[in-house]
Amino acid sequence: MVHGDLVSHLVRSTALAPGEAARVVDEVLAYFAETTDAFVRRRHTELRGRGLHNDRIFERIRAELEVRRVAPPVLSERQLRRLVYG
């Protein structure tokens, strides 16, 4: 389990069982790993299914993209060391 410390934290701080906590972590990681293209396509389909028209859909997607978390750049070992040791 890659994020075992996070799963353990969730088990300690919530009523989730270890399996449930692991599934929550997996779902959250998958959500944030979604590419911009995939996010836009998915949200468009969801909002279209709610009966919204493209003008409202694209306005809403633009607003959602502005607050979406972005993955950090890949850091080299040297960069990681500098973060730790200054």
Protein backbone atom coordinates (compact mmCIF):
# COMPACT_ATOMS: atom_id res chain seq x y z
CA MET A 1 0.00 0.00 0.00
CA VAL A 2 1.66 3.20 -1.21
CA HIS A 3 -0.25 5.55 1.09
CA GLY A 4 -0.45 3.35 4.15
CA ASP A 5 0.26 6.26 6.48
CA LEU A 6 -2.73 8.16 5.08
CA VAL A 7 -4.96 5.08 5.36
CA SER A 8 -3.84 4.61 8.97
CA HIS A 9 -4.57 8.26 9.71
CA LEU A 10 -8.07 7.95 8.26
CA VAL A 11 -8.74 4.80 10.29
CA ARG A 12 -7.62 6.57 13.48
CA SER A 13 -9.49 9.82 12.82
CA THR A 14 -12.75 8.50 11.32
CA ALA A 15 -15.11 5.57 11.65
CA LEU A 16 -13.75 4.02 8.44
CA ALA A 17 -12.44 0.48 8.44
CA PRO A 18 -9.01 -0.06 6.82
CA GLY A 19 -10.50 -1.37 3.56
CA GLU A 20 -12.92 1.54 3.32
CA ALA A 21 -10.17 4.06 4.05
CA ALA A 22 -7.97 2.52 1.35
CA ARG A 23 -10.81 2.77 -1.17
CA VAL A 24 -11.38 6.44 -0.25
CA VAL A 25 -7.67 7.19 -0.74
CA ASP A 26 -7.69 5.39 -4.10
CA GLU A 27 -10.77 7.33 -5.24
CA VAL A 28 -9.32 10.70 -4.22
CA LEU A 29 -5.99 9.95 -5.93
CA ALA A 30 -7.79 8.87 -9.10
CA TYR A 31 -9.87 12.04 -9.04
CA PHE A 32 -6.80 14.28 -8.83
CA ALA A 33 -4.92 12.24 -11.43
CA GLU A 34 -7.57 12.95 -14.05
CA THR A 35 -6.20 14.95 -16.97
CA THR A 36 -7.70 18.29 -17.90
CA ASP A 37 -9.05 16.84 -21.14
CA ALA A 38 -10.72 13.95 -19.33
CA PHE A 39 -12.10 16.28 -16.65
CA VAL A 40 -13.65 18.62 -19.23
CA ARG A 41 -15.20 15.73 -21.16
CA ARG A 42 -16.55 14.09 -17.99
CA ARG A 43 -18.00 17.30 -16.56
CA HIS A 44 -19.56 18.24 -19.89
CA THR A 45 -21.30 14.88 -20.07
CA GLU A 46 -22.49 15.16 -16.45
CA LEU A 47 -23.80 18.70 -16.85
CA ARG A 48 -25.43 17.90 -20.18
CA GLY A 49 -27.20 15.03 -18.41
CA ARG A 50 -28.61 17.57 -15.94
CA GLY A 51 -30.13 19.53 -18.82
CA LEU A 52 -27.69 22.45 -18.92
CA HIS A 53 -26.82 24.10 -22.22
CA ASN A 54 -23.28 24.59 -23.50
CA ASP A 55 -23.05 28.29 -22.59
CA ARG A 56 -23.76 27.51 -18.92
CA ILE A 57 -21.72 24.29 -19.04
CA PHE A 58 -18.55 25.94 -20.33
CA GLU A 59 -18.90 28.84 -17.90
CA ARG A 60 -19.17 26.37 -15.04
CA ILE A 61 -16.29 24.18 -16.26
CA ARG A 62 -14.06 27.26 -16.60
CA ALA A 63 -14.84 28.21 -12.99
CA GLU A 64 -14.19 24.66 -11.78
CA LEU A 65 -10.85 24.48 -13.60
CA GLU A 66 -9.68 27.66 -11.85
CA VAL A 67 -9.88 25.98 -8.43
CA ARG A 68 -8.77 22.51 -9.43
CA ARG A 69 -5.55 21.29 -7.87
CA VAL A 70 -2.60 20.87 -10.19
CA ALA A 71 0.01 18.18 -9.75
CA PRO A 72 3.44 19.52 -8.85
CA PRO A 73 6.29 19.18 -11.32
CA VAL A 74 8.44 16.08 -11.14
CA LEU A 75 11.33 16.79 -8.76
CA SER A 76 14.82 15.39 -9.19
CA GLU A 77 16.62 13.74 -6.30
CA ARG A 78 18.73 16.88 -5.94
CA GLN A 79 15.63 19.07 -5.70
CA LEU A 80 14.15 16.75 -3.09
CA ARG A 81 17.35 16.86 -1.09
CA ARG A 82 17.36 20.66 -1.21
CA LEU A 83 13.82 20.70 0.14
CA VAL A 84 14.92 18.56 3.08
CA TYR A 85 18.34 19.98 3.80
CA GLY A 86 18.06 23.52 2.45
